[in-house]
Amino acid sequence: APRRPNAIGLSVVKIIAVRGSVLEIEDVDILDGTPLFDIKPYVPAFDAFPDERSGWLTGCGDAVRSAQSDNRFSDNRD
């Protein structure tokens, strides 16, 4: 992501397939083009999210779904 304010993203993902040195994943929440620096295993004792909350999203409802990008983090800033 060329214009990402912080070049490091963090995402917990689900591995769909492993083909040689290629991982197929889903549920990733980083921007396209973000480099992959490291992969860690899922360890339920440390990585479980049983009490996850949406924090600042609570109460936003449809406003979040209708927000549009201002292209700050994209090369396509036309």
Protein backbone atom coordinates (compact mmCIF):
# COMPACT_ATOMS: atom_id res chain seq x y z
CA ALA A 1 0.00 0.00 0.00
CA PRO A 2 1.99 2.97 -1.25
CA ARG A 3 0.29 5.65 0.86
CA ARG A 4 -0.50 3.70 3.99
CA PRO A 5 0.24 5.90 7.05
CA ASN A 6 1.95 2.95 8.75
CA ALA A 7 3.50 0.42 6.37
CA ILE A 8 2.87 -2.49 8.74
CA GLY A 9 -0.54 -4.17 8.88
CA LEU A 10 -1.71 -6.88 11.25
CA SER A 11 -4.38 -9.37 10.34
CA VAL A 12 -5.70 -12.65 11.73
CA VAL A 13 -6.59 -14.80 8.72
CA LYS A 14 -7.95 -18.22 7.87
CA ILE A 15 -5.68 -20.45 5.77
CA ILE A 16 -7.64 -22.05 2.92
CA ALA A 17 -4.81 -23.90 1.15
CA VAL A 18 -1.04 -24.30 1.08
CA ARG A 19 0.59 -24.99 -2.29
CA GLY A 20 4.36 -25.05 -1.98
CA SER A 21 5.36 -21.56 -0.88
CA VAL A 22 1.94 -20.06 -1.70
CA LEU A 23 -0.72 -19.55 0.98
CA GLU A 24 -4.36 -19.02 0.05
CA ILE A 25 -6.07 -17.03 2.82
CA GLU A 26 -9.38 -15.35 3.54
CA ASP A 27 -10.75 -12.79 6.00
CA VAL A 28 -7.69 -10.58 5.52
CA ASP A 29 -8.17 -6.93 6.48
CA ILE A 30 -5.04 -5.30 5.09
CA LEU A 31 -4.76 -3.18 1.95
CA ASP A 32 -3.69 -4.62 -1.42
CA GLY A 33 0.04 -4.30 -1.86
CA THR A 34 0.85 -4.49 1.86
CA PRO A 35 4.06 -6.55 2.17
CA LEU A 36 3.99 -9.73 4.25
CA PHE A 37 6.77 -9.70 6.85
CA ASP A 38 5.93 -12.61 9.10
CA ILE A 39 3.46 -15.42 9.71
CA LYS A 40 2.63 -16.67 13.17
CA PRO A 41 0.63 -19.78 14.12
CA TYR A 42 -2.75 -19.45 15.80
CA VAL A 43 -2.37 -20.33 19.49
CA PRO A 44 -5.80 -20.39 21.20
CA ALA A 45 -4.32 -19.65 24.64
CA PHE A 46 -2.96 -16.32 23.34
CA ASP A 47 -4.89 -15.53 20.15
CA ALA A 48 -8.51 -16.36 21.02
CA PHE A 49 -11.05 -13.58 20.54
CA PRO A 50 -14.01 -14.77 22.67
CA ASP A 51 -14.99 -11.28 23.83
CA GLU A 52 -14.41 -9.36 20.62
CA ARG A 53 -16.10 -5.97 20.34
CA SER A 54 -16.43 -3.47 17.56
CA GLY A 55 -15.55 -0.55 19.85
CA TRP A 56 -15.84 2.68 17.87
CA LEU A 57 -18.18 0.99 15.35
CA THR A 58 -20.89 0.40 17.93
CA GLY A 59 -23.87 2.55 17.07
CA CYS A 60 -22.62 3.57 13.61
CA GLY A 61 -25.07 1.25 11.83
CA ASP A 62 -25.63 2.04 8.15
CA ALA A 63 -23.26 5.03 8.20
CA VAL A 64 -20.27 2.66 8.12
CA ARG A 65 -21.67 0.63 5.23
CA SER A 66 -22.29 3.76 3.16
CA ALA A 67 -18.94 5.51 3.74
CA GLN A 68 -16.78 5.92 0.65
CA SER A 69 -13.02 6.02 0.32
CA ASP A 70 -11.34 9.37 -0.18
CA ASN A 71 -8.43 7.51 -1.88
CA ARG A 72 -5.79 8.81 0.56
CA PHE A 73 -4.11 5.40 0.63
CA SER A 74 -4.38 4.57 -3.06
CA ASP A 75 -2.29 5.32 -6.14
CA ASN A 76 -5.58 6.08 -7.92
CA ARG A 77 -6.23 9.51 -6.41
CA ASP A 78 -7.96 11.03 -9.46
